Amino acid sequence: MIDEDSLQERKAAMLPHLDERQRRLFAAAEAKAAGRGGIAAVARLTRVAASTIGRGLKDLEASETLPQGRVRRPGDGRKSLADLAANSGWVNVEIDNDTAAFAVQPIRRWWQDIGRGRYPLAKRLLMTADGGGSNGSRVRLWKRELQKLADELGITIEVHHLPPGTSKWNKIEHRLFSFITQNWRAKPLVSYRVIVDLIAATTTKPA
């Protein structure tokens, strides 16, 4: 059994002065002392998650000492955030045979319309591409056309290919194309004009 009044007093006196790890260890020590049902009771009284108390119990058993100033082991905690330079998308739709020259043309158009204005000091262009098709990593014509574009623009072009069958790992598709497909849902794509108009009308945030 746990003395709830006593625990409430200790919680009020201690928790405001403890860091994240110390709060975890305090709750774990109280749960361990309470015995059976201690984790649930301490979680309810202290508002510390049961999973956090469980990690605290493991910490107590390990008797691990962290470097001064750290409240988590190296690598623990949230993943590092990654700042977007331009949170925007661009889609180029044309009608032609699927050739490497055709695949490079949208890159040229993007640079002319957006890239050179947004990144006037750029000396390198880094992009990802699917593993197959006209822009595959083994397609010599794709590489030749890219080199021609690099010479034309005067910048280095670097391509990272996604493994075969994993094009849907591309985060751009998740963030942009989902809105496009929602916008043309249940609308017959009967012509090039219809496709272009539907894509042009797609937005990812309120106007």
N, C-alpha and C. Protein backbone atom coordinates (compact mmCIF):
# COMPACT_ATOMS: atom_id res chain seq x y z
N MET A 1 0.84 -1.20 0.00
CA MET A 1 0.00 0.00 0.00
C MET A 1 0.87 1.25 0.00
N ILE A 2 0.31 2.33 -0.52
CA ILE A 2 1.04 3.58 -0.57
C ILE A 2 0.31 4.63 0.24
N ASP A 3 1.05 5.38 1.04
CA ASP A 3 0.48 6.47 1.82
C ASP A 3 0.33 7.68 0.90
N GLU A 4 -0.87 7.88 0.39
CA GLU A 4 -1.08 8.91 -0.62
C GLU A 4 -0.84 10.31 -0.08
N ASP A 5 -1.26 10.58 1.16
CA ASP A 5 -1.06 11.91 1.73
C ASP A 5 0.42 12.22 1.88
N SER A 6 1.18 11.22 2.33
CA SER A 6 2.62 11.43 2.51
C SER A 6 3.31 11.65 1.17
N LEU A 7 2.90 10.87 0.16
CA LEU A 7 3.49 11.03 -1.16
C LEU A 7 3.17 12.40 -1.75
N GLN A 8 1.94 12.86 -1.55
CA GLN A 8 1.56 14.17 -2.05
C GLN A 8 2.42 15.27 -1.43
N GLU A 9 2.73 15.13 -0.15
CA GLU A 9 3.58 16.11 0.52
C GLU A 9 5.00 16.09 -0.05
N ARG A 10 5.55 14.88 -0.25
CA ARG A 10 6.89 14.77 -0.81
C ARG A 10 6.92 15.30 -2.25
N LYS A 11 5.87 14.99 -3.00
CA LYS A 11 5.80 15.48 -4.37
C LYS A 11 5.79 17.00 -4.41
N ALA A 12 4.97 17.62 -3.59
CA ALA A 12 4.88 19.08 -3.58
C ALA A 12 6.19 19.72 -3.16
N ALA A 13 6.93 19.05 -2.28
CA ALA A 13 8.18 19.62 -1.79
C ALA A 13 9.33 19.40 -2.76
N MET A 14 9.33 18.28 -3.50
CA MET A 14 10.49 17.89 -4.28
C MET A 14 10.39 18.19 -5.77
N LEU A 15 9.28 17.82 -6.40
CA LEU A 15 9.21 17.85 -7.86
C LEU A 15 9.52 19.21 -8.48
N PRO A 16 9.09 20.32 -7.90
CA PRO A 16 9.40 21.61 -8.54
C PRO A 16 10.90 21.89 -8.64
N HIS A 17 11.72 21.20 -7.89
CA HIS A 17 13.16 21.47 -7.85
C HIS A 17 13.98 20.43 -8.63
N LEU A 18 13.31 19.46 -9.26
CA LEU A 18 14.01 18.36 -9.93
C LEU A 18 13.99 18.53 -11.43
N ASP A 19 15.08 18.06 -12.08
CA ASP A 19 15.08 18.06 -13.54
C ASP A 19 14.37 16.80 -14.04
N GLU A 20 14.36 16.61 -15.35
CA GLU A 20 13.61 15.51 -15.95
C GLU A 20 14.04 14.15 -15.41
N ARG A 21 15.33 13.91 -15.35
CA ARG A 21 15.83 12.62 -14.88
C ARG A 21 15.56 12.42 -13.40
N GLN A 22 15.75 13.46 -12.62
CA GLN A 22 15.52 13.35 -11.18
C GLN A 22 14.05 13.09 -10.87
N ARG A 23 13.15 13.70 -11.64
CA ARG A 23 11.72 13.44 -11.46
C ARG A 23 11.41 11.97 -11.76
N ARG A 24 12.05 11.45 -12.80
CA ARG A 24 11.85 10.05 -13.18
C ARG A 24 12.34 9.12 -12.09
N LEU A 25 13.51 9.42 -11.54
CA LEU A 25 14.07 8.57 -10.48
C LEU A 25 13.28 8.69 -9.19
N PHE A 26 12.80 9.89 -8.88
CA PHE A 26 11.97 10.08 -7.68
C PHE A 26 10.70 9.24 -7.78
N ALA A 27 10.01 9.32 -8.92
CA ALA A 27 8.78 8.56 -9.09
C ALA A 27 9.05 7.06 -9.06
N ALA A 28 10.17 6.64 -9.66
CA ALA A 28 10.52 5.22 -9.68
C ALA A 28 10.82 4.71 -8.28
N ALA A 29 11.54 5.52 -7.49
CA ALA A 29 11.86 5.11 -6.12
C ALA A 29 10.59 4.97 -5.28
N GLU A 30 9.64 5.88 -5.47
CA GLU A 30 8.39 5.80 -4.73
C GLU A 30 7.60 4.56 -5.15
N ALA A 31 7.58 4.27 -6.45
CA ALA A 31 6.85 3.11 -6.94
C ALA A 31 7.48 1.82 -6.42
N LYS A 32 8.80 1.79 -6.40
CA LYS A 32 9.49 0.59 -5.92
C LYS A 32 9.21 0.37 -4.44
N ALA A 33 9.20 1.46 -3.67
CA ALA A 33 8.94 1.33 -2.23
C ALA A 33 7.50 0.91 -1.96
N ALA A 34 6.58 1.28 -2.84
CA ALA A 34 5.17 0.95 -2.63
C ALA A 34 4.87 -0.51 -2.91
N GLY A 35 5.71 -1.18 -3.71
CA GLY A 35 5.49 -2.58 -4.01
C GLY A 35 4.45 -2.78 -5.09
N ARG A 36 3.66 -3.83 -4.97
CA ARG A 36 2.69 -4.21 -6.00
C ARG A 36 1.71 -3.07 -6.27
N GLY A 37 1.54 -2.73 -7.52
CA GLY A 37 0.63 -1.64 -7.89
C GLY A 37 1.22 -0.26 -7.71
N GLY A 38 2.50 -0.22 -7.37
CA GLY A 38 3.12 1.07 -7.08
C GLY A 38 3.23 1.97 -8.30
N ILE A 39 3.54 1.39 -9.44
CA ILE A 39 3.70 2.22 -10.65
C ILE A 39 2.40 2.95 -10.99
N ALA A 40 1.28 2.21 -10.98
CA ALA A 40 0.00 2.82 -11.31
C ALA A 40 -0.38 3.90 -10.30
N ALA A 41 -0.15 3.61 -9.03
CA ALA A 41 -0.52 4.57 -7.99
C ALA A 41 0.33 5.84 -8.07
N VAL A 42 1.63 5.68 -8.26
CA VAL A 42 2.52 6.84 -8.33
C VAL A 42 2.23 7.65 -9.59
N ALA A 43 1.95 6.96 -10.70
CA ALA A 43 1.62 7.67 -11.93
C ALA A 43 0.38 8.52 -11.76
N ARG A 44 -0.61 7.99 -11.05
CA ARG A 44 -1.86 8.72 -10.83
C ARG A 44 -1.65 9.93 -9.92
N LEU A 45 -0.82 9.77 -8.91
CA LEU A 45 -0.64 10.84 -7.93
C LEU A 45 0.35 11.91 -8.36
N THR A 46 1.35 11.51 -9.14
CA THR A 46 2.39 12.47 -9.52
C THR A 46 2.21 13.01 -10.94
N ARG A 47 1.31 12.40 -11.72
CA ARG A 47 1.12 12.77 -13.13
C ARG A 47 2.36 12.46 -13.97
N VAL A 48 3.22 11.57 -13.48
CA VAL A 48 4.36 11.08 -14.25
C VAL A 48 3.90 9.81 -14.96
N ALA A 49 4.12 9.72 -16.27
CA ALA A 49 3.64 8.58 -17.04
C ALA A 49 4.20 7.27 -16.53
N ALA A 50 3.37 6.22 -16.59
CA ALA A 50 3.81 4.90 -16.12
C ALA A 50 5.03 4.42 -16.90
N SER A 51 5.08 4.72 -18.20
CA SER A 51 6.23 4.30 -19.00
C SER A 51 7.50 5.01 -18.54
N THR A 52 7.35 6.27 -18.12
CA THR A 52 8.50 7.02 -17.63
C THR A 52 8.98 6.43 -16.31
N ILE A 53 8.04 6.05 -15.46
CA ILE A 53 8.41 5.43 -14.19
C ILE A 53 9.11 4.10 -14.45
N GLY A 54 8.64 3.36 -15.46
CA GLY A 54 9.29 2.11 -15.81
C GLY A 54 10.74 2.32 -16.22
N ARG A 55 10.99 3.39 -17.01
CA ARG A 55 12.38 3.70 -17.40
C ARG A 55 13.19 4.10 -16.18
N GLY A 56 12.53 4.79 -15.24
CA GLY A 56 13.22 5.18 -14.01
C GLY A 56 13.64 3.97 -13.19
N LEU A 57 12.79 2.94 -13.14
CA LEU A 57 13.14 1.71 -12.42
C LEU A 57 14.34 1.02 -13.05
N LYS A 58 14.40 1.05 -14.39
CA LYS A 58 15.56 0.47 -15.06
C LYS A 58 16.82 1.28 -14.74
N ASP A 59 16.68 2.60 -14.67
CA ASP A 59 17.82 3.44 -14.31
C ASP A 59 18.31 3.13 -12.90
N LEU A 60 17.37 2.92 -11.98
CA LEU A 60 17.75 2.60 -10.61
C LEU A 60 18.50 1.27 -10.54
N GLU A 61 18.03 0.30 -11.30
CA GLU A 61 18.68 -1.01 -11.30
C GLU A 61 20.07 -0.94 -11.93
N ALA A 62 20.21 -0.10 -12.94
CA ALA A 62 21.50 0.00 -13.63
C ALA A 62 22.50 0.82 -12.84
N SER A 63 22.03 1.67 -11.97
CA SER A 63 22.90 2.55 -11.18
C SER A 63 23.84 3.34 -12.08
N GLU A 64 23.32 3.79 -13.21
CA GLU A 64 24.15 4.48 -14.20
C GLU A 64 24.32 5.95 -13.82
N THR A 65 25.53 6.44 -13.93
CA THR A 65 25.82 7.83 -13.67
C THR A 65 26.05 8.55 -14.99
N LEU A 66 25.26 9.58 -15.24
CA LEU A 66 25.40 10.34 -16.49
C LEU A 66 26.41 11.46 -16.32
N PRO A 67 27.03 11.89 -17.42
CA PRO A 67 27.97 13.02 -17.34
C PRO A 67 27.27 14.24 -16.77
N GLN A 68 28.04 15.09 -16.13
CA GLN A 68 27.48 16.29 -15.50
C GLN A 68 26.76 17.15 -16.54
N GLY A 69 25.58 17.58 -16.17
CA GLY A 69 24.81 18.44 -17.05
C GLY A 69 23.85 17.71 -17.97
N ARG A 70 23.93 16.36 -18.04
CA ARG A 70 23.03 15.60 -18.89
C ARG A 70 21.90 14.99 -18.07
N VAL A 71 20.68 14.98 -18.66
CA VAL A 71 19.55 14.33 -18.01
C VAL A 71 19.09 13.11 -18.81
N ARG A 72 19.70 12.88 -19.98
CA ARG A 72 19.42 11.72 -20.81
C ARG A 72 20.71 11.11 -21.29
N ARG A 73 20.64 9.82 -21.65
CA ARG A 73 21.80 9.18 -22.27
C ARG A 73 22.03 9.79 -23.65
N PRO A 74 23.26 9.76 -24.14
CA PRO A 74 23.51 10.24 -25.51
C PRO A 74 22.64 9.50 -26.51
N GLY A 75 21.95 10.25 -27.36
CA GLY A 75 21.09 9.65 -28.37
C GLY A 75 19.64 9.54 -27.96
N ASP A 76 19.34 9.70 -26.66
CA ASP A 76 17.95 9.64 -26.21
C ASP A 76 17.25 10.95 -26.49
N GLY A 77 15.94 10.95 -26.32
CA GLY A 77 15.17 12.17 -26.51
C GLY A 77 14.65 12.29 -27.92
N ARG A 78 14.08 13.44 -28.23
CA ARG A 78 13.51 13.67 -29.54
C ARG A 78 14.58 13.72 -30.61
N LYS A 79 14.18 13.37 -31.83
CA LYS A 79 15.10 13.48 -32.95
C LYS A 79 15.40 14.95 -33.22
N SER A 80 16.59 15.20 -33.70
CA SER A 80 16.96 16.57 -34.02
C SER A 80 16.04 17.12 -35.10
N LEU A 81 15.66 18.41 -34.93
CA LEU A 81 14.82 19.04 -35.93
C LEU A 81 15.66 19.44 -37.13
N ALA A 82 15.07 19.49 -38.29
CA ALA A 82 15.77 19.85 -39.52
C ALA A 82 14.99 20.88 -40.25
N ASP A 83 15.77 22.56 -40.07
CA ASP A 83 15.16 23.79 -40.58
C ASP A 83 15.07 23.71 -42.07
N LEU A 84 13.71 23.87 -42.94
CA LEU A 84 13.49 23.87 -44.40
C LEU A 84 13.79 25.27 -44.91
N ALA A 85 14.66 25.33 -45.96
CA ALA A 85 15.01 26.65 -46.49
C ALA A 85 13.83 27.24 -47.25
N ALA A 86 13.11 26.42 -47.97
CA ALA A 86 11.94 26.89 -48.71
C ALA A 86 10.90 25.79 -48.70
N ASN A 87 9.87 25.96 -47.89
CA ASN A 87 8.83 24.94 -47.75
C ASN A 87 7.80 25.11 -48.86
N SER A 88 8.20 24.80 -50.07
CA SER A 88 7.32 24.99 -51.23
C SER A 88 7.60 23.92 -52.27
N GLY A 89 6.63 23.71 -53.15
CA GLY A 89 6.78 22.70 -54.19
C GLY A 89 6.56 23.30 -55.57
N TRP A 90 6.98 22.55 -56.58
CA TRP A 90 6.86 23.00 -57.98
C TRP A 90 6.64 21.78 -58.85
N VAL A 91 5.65 21.83 -59.71
CA VAL A 91 5.33 20.69 -60.56
C VAL A 91 5.39 21.13 -62.02
N ASN A 92 6.05 20.32 -62.85
CA ASN A 92 6.13 20.58 -64.28
C ASN A 92 5.43 19.45 -65.01
N VAL A 93 4.44 19.79 -65.83
CA VAL A 93 3.69 18.78 -66.58
C VAL A 93 3.82 19.07 -68.07
N GLU A 94 4.30 18.08 -68.82
CA GLU A 94 4.45 18.23 -70.27
C GLU A 94 4.05 16.93 -70.94
N ILE A 95 3.89 16.97 -72.24
CA ILE A 95 3.58 15.77 -73.03
C ILE A 95 4.76 15.48 -73.95
N ASP A 96 5.36 14.32 -73.78
CA ASP A 96 6.48 13.92 -74.63
C ASP A 96 6.80 12.48 -74.32
N ASN A 97 7.66 11.89 -75.13
CA ASN A 97 8.15 10.55 -74.82
C ASN A 97 9.03 10.61 -73.58
N ASP A 98 9.02 9.51 -72.81
CA ASP A 98 9.79 9.47 -71.57
C ASP A 98 11.26 9.20 -71.88
N THR A 99 11.99 10.24 -72.15
CA THR A 99 13.42 10.10 -72.44
C THR A 99 14.22 10.87 -71.42
N ALA A 100 15.53 10.62 -71.39
CA ALA A 100 16.39 11.32 -70.45
C ALA A 100 16.40 12.82 -70.71
N ALA A 101 16.36 13.20 -71.99
CA ALA A 101 16.33 14.62 -72.32
C ALA A 101 15.07 15.27 -71.77
N PHE A 102 13.95 14.55 -71.86
CA PHE A 102 12.70 15.06 -71.32
C PHE A 102 12.78 15.16 -69.79
N ALA A 103 13.43 14.18 -69.14
CA ALA A 103 13.55 14.18 -67.69
C ALA A 103 14.40 15.35 -67.19
N VAL A 104 15.39 15.75 -67.96
CA VAL A 104 16.26 16.86 -67.55
C VAL A 104 15.60 18.21 -67.77
N GLN A 105 14.71 18.29 -68.76
CA GLN A 105 14.08 19.57 -69.08
C GLN A 105 13.35 20.21 -67.90
N PRO A 106 12.58 19.46 -67.08
CA PRO A 106 11.94 20.08 -65.92
C PRO A 106 12.94 20.69 -64.93
N ILE A 107 14.12 20.07 -64.83
CA ILE A 107 15.14 20.63 -63.94
C ILE A 107 15.60 21.98 -64.47
N ARG A 108 15.79 22.04 -65.78
CA ARG A 108 16.18 23.31 -66.41
C ARG A 108 15.10 24.37 -66.19
N ARG A 109 13.83 23.96 -66.37
CA ARG A 109 12.73 24.90 -66.20
C ARG A 109 12.64 25.40 -64.76
N TRP A 110 12.83 24.47 -63.79
CA TRP A 110 12.79 24.89 -62.39
C TRP A 110 13.88 25.90 -62.09
N TRP A 111 15.09 25.64 -62.60
CA TRP A 111 16.20 26.55 -62.35
C TRP A 111 15.92 27.92 -62.96
N GLN A 112 15.40 27.93 -64.17
CA GLN A 112 15.13 29.19 -64.84
C GLN A 112 14.00 29.98 -64.17
N ASP A 113 12.96 29.26 -63.74
CA ASP A 113 11.79 29.94 -63.18
C ASP A 113 11.94 30.27 -61.70
N ILE A 114 12.60 29.40 -60.94
CA ILE A 114 12.63 29.55 -59.48
C ILE A 114 14.05 29.50 -58.91
N GLY A 115 14.81 28.48 -59.29
CA GLY A 115 16.08 28.20 -58.62
C GLY A 115 17.07 29.34 -58.63
N ARG A 116 17.35 29.92 -59.79
CA ARG A 116 18.40 30.94 -59.86
C ARG A 116 18.01 32.21 -59.13
N GLY A 117 16.69 32.47 -59.02
CA GLY A 117 16.26 33.64 -58.26
C GLY A 117 16.31 33.40 -56.77
N ARG A 118 16.01 32.17 -56.35
CA ARG A 118 16.00 31.84 -54.92
C ARG A 118 17.41 31.60 -54.39
N TYR A 119 18.27 31.03 -55.22
CA TYR A 119 19.64 30.70 -54.78
C TYR A 119 20.66 31.29 -55.75
N PRO A 120 20.79 32.58 -55.79
CA PRO A 120 21.67 33.23 -56.79
C PRO A 120 23.15 32.90 -56.62
N LEU A 121 23.55 32.50 -55.42
CA LEU A 121 24.97 32.20 -55.17
C LEU A 121 25.27 30.71 -55.21
N ALA A 122 24.29 29.90 -55.60
CA ALA A 122 24.46 28.44 -55.59
C ALA A 122 25.55 28.00 -56.55
N LYS A 123 26.39 27.08 -56.08
CA LYS A 123 27.42 26.48 -56.92
C LYS A 123 27.20 24.98 -57.11
N ARG A 124 26.17 24.45 -56.41
CA ARG A 124 25.90 23.01 -56.49
C ARG A 124 24.40 22.78 -56.37
N LEU A 125 23.88 21.87 -57.17
CA LEU A 125 22.47 21.51 -57.13
C LEU A 125 22.37 20.04 -56.73
N LEU A 126 21.73 19.75 -55.62
CA LEU A 126 21.58 18.39 -55.12
C LEU A 126 20.12 17.97 -55.26
N MET A 127 19.88 16.80 -55.82
CA MET A 127 18.50 16.33 -56.01
C MET A 127 18.43 14.83 -55.76
N THR A 128 17.21 14.34 -55.52
CA THR A 128 16.96 12.90 -55.43
C THR A 128 16.14 12.49 -56.64
N ALA A 129 16.27 11.24 -57.03
CA ALA A 129 15.55 10.73 -58.20
C ALA A 129 15.19 9.27 -57.98
N ASP A 130 14.16 8.80 -58.67
CA ASP A 130 13.79 7.39 -58.62
C ASP A 130 14.92 6.54 -59.19
N GLY A 131 14.91 5.26 -58.84
CA GLY A 131 15.99 4.39 -59.27
C GLY A 131 15.85 3.87 -60.70
N GLY A 132 14.65 3.95 -61.28
CA GLY A 132 14.46 3.39 -62.61
C GLY A 132 13.95 4.43 -63.60
N GLY A 133 13.58 3.95 -64.80
CA GLY A 133 13.05 4.86 -65.80
C GLY A 133 14.14 5.66 -66.49
N SER A 134 13.73 6.75 -67.11
CA SER A 134 14.66 7.55 -67.90
C SER A 134 15.70 8.29 -67.07
N ASN A 135 15.48 8.38 -65.76
CA ASN A 135 16.47 9.05 -64.90
C ASN A 135 17.16 8.07 -63.97
N GLY A 136 17.25 6.81 -64.37
CA GLY A 136 17.90 5.79 -63.55
C GLY A 136 19.40 6.00 -63.44
N SER A 137 19.97 5.43 -62.40
CA SER A 137 21.40 5.64 -62.13
C SER A 137 22.31 5.02 -63.18
N ARG A 138 21.80 4.07 -64.00
CA ARG A 138 22.62 3.41 -65.01
C ARG A 138 22.36 3.92 -66.42
N VAL A 139 21.50 4.91 -66.55
CA VAL A 139 21.15 5.43 -67.87
C VAL A 139 22.19 6.44 -68.32
N ARG A 140 22.97 6.10 -69.31
CA ARG A 140 24.06 6.98 -69.77
C ARG A 140 23.53 8.28 -70.38
N LEU A 141 22.40 8.20 -71.08
CA LEU A 141 21.83 9.40 -71.68
C LEU A 141 21.41 10.40 -70.62
N TRP A 142 20.86 9.91 -69.51
CA TRP A 142 20.49 10.77 -68.38
C TRP A 142 21.71 11.51 -67.85
N LYS A 143 22.79 10.79 -67.69
CA LYS A 143 24.02 11.41 -67.17
C LYS A 143 24.58 12.43 -68.16
N ARG A 144 24.50 12.08 -69.46
CA ARG A 144 25.01 13.00 -70.47
C ARG A 144 24.20 14.29 -70.51
N GLU A 145 22.85 14.14 -70.44
CA GLU A 145 21.99 15.32 -70.46
C GLU A 145 22.18 16.17 -69.20
N LEU A 146 22.40 15.52 -68.07
CA LEU A 146 22.67 16.27 -66.84
C LEU A 146 23.98 17.04 -66.94
N GLN A 147 24.99 16.41 -67.54
CA GLN A 147 26.27 17.09 -67.70
C GLN A 147 26.12 18.30 -68.62
N LYS A 148 25.34 18.14 -69.69
CA LYS A 148 25.09 19.28 -70.58
C LYS A 148 24.42 20.41 -69.82
N LEU A 149 23.46 20.07 -68.94
CA LEU A 149 22.78 21.10 -68.15
C LEU A 149 23.73 21.75 -67.17
N ALA A 150 24.59 20.95 -66.52
CA ALA A 150 25.56 21.50 -65.58
C ALA A 150 26.51 22.47 -66.28
N ASP A 151 26.95 22.10 -67.49
CA ASP A 151 27.82 23.00 -68.26
C ASP A 151 27.08 24.28 -68.64
N GLU A 152 25.82 24.13 -68.99
CA GLU A 152 25.01 25.28 -69.39
C GLU A 152 24.79 26.24 -68.23
N LEU A 153 24.55 25.71 -67.04
CA LEU A 153 24.24 26.55 -65.88
C LEU A 153 25.49 26.98 -65.13
N GLY A 154 26.58 26.27 -65.34
CA GLY A 154 27.81 26.60 -64.64
C GLY A 154 27.82 26.20 -63.19
N ILE A 155 27.08 25.14 -62.83
CA ILE A 155 27.05 24.64 -61.46
C ILE A 155 27.23 23.12 -61.47
N THR A 156 27.61 22.59 -60.31
CA THR A 156 27.73 21.14 -60.17
C THR A 156 26.35 20.55 -59.86
N ILE A 157 25.99 19.45 -60.52
CA ILE A 157 24.72 18.78 -60.27
C ILE A 157 25.02 17.40 -59.68
N GLU A 158 24.44 17.13 -58.54
CA GLU A 158 24.63 15.85 -57.84
C GLU A 158 23.28 15.19 -57.64
N VAL A 159 23.18 13.90 -57.99
CA VAL A 159 21.92 13.17 -57.90
C VAL A 159 22.07 12.00 -56.94
N HIS A 160 21.15 11.86 -56.01
CA HIS A 160 21.08 10.71 -55.13
C HIS A 160 19.85 9.89 -55.51
N HIS A 161 20.07 8.66 -55.96
CA HIS A 161 18.96 7.81 -56.40
C HIS A 161 18.38 7.01 -55.24
N LEU A 162 17.06 6.97 -55.18
CA LEU A 162 16.39 6.11 -54.21
C LEU A 162 16.52 4.66 -54.68
N PRO A 163 16.59 3.69 -53.76
CA PRO A 163 16.68 2.28 -54.17
C PRO A 163 15.47 1.88 -55.00
N PRO A 164 15.62 0.90 -55.89
CA PRO A 164 14.49 0.45 -56.72
C PRO A 164 13.29 0.06 -55.87
N GLY A 165 12.12 0.49 -56.29
CA GLY A 165 10.89 0.14 -55.59
C GLY A 165 10.60 0.96 -54.36
N THR A 166 11.38 2.00 -54.11
CA THR A 166 11.18 2.79 -52.88
C THR A 166 10.91 4.26 -53.19
N SER A 167 10.38 4.55 -54.37
CA SER A 167 10.16 5.95 -54.73
C SER A 167 9.19 6.64 -53.77
N LYS A 168 8.30 5.86 -53.14
CA LYS A 168 7.34 6.46 -52.22
C LYS A 168 7.99 6.87 -50.90
N TRP A 169 9.28 6.57 -50.72
CA TRP A 169 10.00 7.09 -49.56
C TRP A 169 10.31 8.57 -49.72
N ASN A 170 10.16 9.06 -50.95
CA ASN A 170 10.46 10.45 -51.23
C ASN A 170 9.50 11.35 -50.44
N LYS A 171 10.04 12.15 -49.51
CA LYS A 171 9.20 12.97 -48.65
C LYS A 171 8.44 14.04 -49.42
N ILE A 172 8.99 14.44 -50.57
CA ILE A 172 8.29 15.43 -51.38
C ILE A 172 6.95 14.87 -51.86
N GLU A 173 6.95 13.61 -52.26
CA GLU A 173 5.70 13.00 -52.72
C GLU A 173 4.67 12.97 -51.60
N HIS A 174 5.12 12.67 -50.38
CA HIS A 174 4.19 12.61 -49.25
C HIS A 174 3.62 13.99 -48.94
N ARG A 175 4.46 15.01 -49.05
CA ARG A 175 4.04 16.35 -48.63
C ARG A 175 3.29 17.11 -49.72
N LEU A 176 3.52 16.76 -50.98
CA LEU A 176 2.93 17.53 -52.07
C LEU A 176 1.90 16.74 -52.87
N PHE A 177 2.27 15.55 -53.33
CA PHE A 177 1.40 14.83 -54.24
C PHE A 177 0.12 14.33 -53.57
N SER A 178 0.15 14.15 -52.26
CA SER A 178 -1.08 13.75 -51.59
C SER A 178 -2.17 14.81 -51.77
N PHE A 179 -1.78 16.08 -51.76
CA PHE A 179 -2.76 17.15 -51.96
C PHE A 179 -3.25 17.19 -53.41
N ILE A 180 -2.35 16.88 -54.34
CA ILE A 180 -2.76 16.86 -55.75
C ILE A 180 -3.79 15.76 -55.98
N THR A 181 -3.53 14.58 -55.47
CA THR A 181 -4.46 13.47 -55.68
C THR A 181 -5.79 13.72 -54.97
N GLN A 182 -5.75 14.38 -53.81
CA GLN A 182 -7.00 14.73 -53.14
C GLN A 182 -7.81 15.71 -54.00
N ASN A 183 -7.11 16.63 -54.64
CA ASN A 183 -7.79 17.66 -55.43
C ASN A 183 -8.45 17.10 -56.67
N TRP A 184 -7.86 16.05 -57.26
CA TRP A 184 -8.49 15.51 -58.48
C TRP A 184 -9.25 14.21 -58.21
N ARG A 185 -9.50 13.93 -56.95
CA ARG A 185 -10.26 12.74 -56.58
C ARG A 185 -11.65 12.77 -57.22
N ALA A 186 -12.00 11.65 -57.84
CA ALA A 186 -13.30 11.45 -58.48
C ALA A 186 -13.50 12.34 -59.71
N LYS A 187 -12.43 12.94 -60.21
CA LYS A 187 -12.52 13.75 -61.42
C LYS A 187 -11.81 13.01 -62.55
N PRO A 188 -12.49 12.69 -63.63
CA PRO A 188 -11.86 11.96 -64.75
C PRO A 188 -10.73 12.78 -65.38
N LEU A 189 -9.56 12.18 -65.51
CA LEU A 189 -8.42 12.86 -66.12
C LEU A 189 -8.46 12.60 -67.63
N VAL A 190 -9.36 13.31 -68.27
CA VAL A 190 -9.65 13.01 -69.67
C VAL A 190 -8.74 13.72 -70.65
N SER A 191 -7.98 14.70 -70.19
CA SER A 191 -7.13 15.43 -71.11
C SER A 191 -5.97 16.07 -70.37
N TYR A 192 -4.97 16.45 -71.14
CA TYR A 192 -3.81 17.17 -70.60
C TYR A 192 -4.24 18.45 -69.91
N ARG A 193 -5.19 19.17 -70.50
CA ARG A 193 -5.67 20.43 -69.96
C ARG A 193 -6.30 20.24 -68.59
N VAL A 194 -7.08 19.17 -68.42
CA VAL A 194 -7.72 18.88 -67.14
C VAL A 194 -6.67 18.63 -66.07
N ILE A 195 -5.64 17.83 -66.41
CA ILE A 195 -4.58 17.54 -65.45
C ILE A 195 -3.86 18.81 -65.02
N VAL A 196 -3.49 19.64 -65.97
CA VAL A 196 -2.78 20.88 -65.66
C VAL A 196 -3.62 21.80 -64.79
N ASP A 197 -4.91 21.93 -65.12
CA ASP A 197 -5.79 22.81 -64.34
C ASP A 197 -5.96 22.31 -62.91
N LEU A 198 -6.09 21.01 -62.74
CA LEU A 198 -6.27 20.46 -61.40
C LEU A 198 -5.01 20.64 -60.55
N ILE A 199 -3.85 20.43 -61.16
CA ILE A 199 -2.60 20.63 -60.43
C ILE A 199 -2.43 22.10 -60.08
N ALA A 200 -2.73 22.98 -61.03
CA ALA A 200 -2.57 24.42 -60.80
C ALA A 200 -3.48 24.91 -59.68
N ALA A 201 -4.63 24.26 -59.51
CA ALA A 201 -5.59 24.70 -58.49
C ALA A 201 -5.33 24.10 -57.13
N THR A 202 -4.31 23.26 -57.02
CA THR A 202 -4.03 22.58 -55.75
C THR A 202 -3.31 23.51 -54.77
N THR A 203 -3.78 23.55 -53.54
CA THR A 203 -3.11 24.31 -52.48
C THR A 203 -2.91 23.40 -51.28
N THR A 204 -1.91 23.71 -50.47
CA THR A 204 -1.63 22.91 -49.27
C THR A 204 -1.88 23.69 -47.99
N LYS A 205 -2.42 24.88 -48.12
CA LYS A 205 -2.76 25.68 -46.94
C LYS A 205 -3.88 26.64 -47.32
N PRO A 206 -4.62 27.14 -46.31
CA PRO A 206 -5.73 28.05 -46.62
C PRO A 206 -5.23 29.29 -47.34
N ALA A 207 -6.03 29.79 -48.26
CA ALA A 207 -5.67 30.99 -49.01
C ALA A 207 -5.66 32.21 -48.11
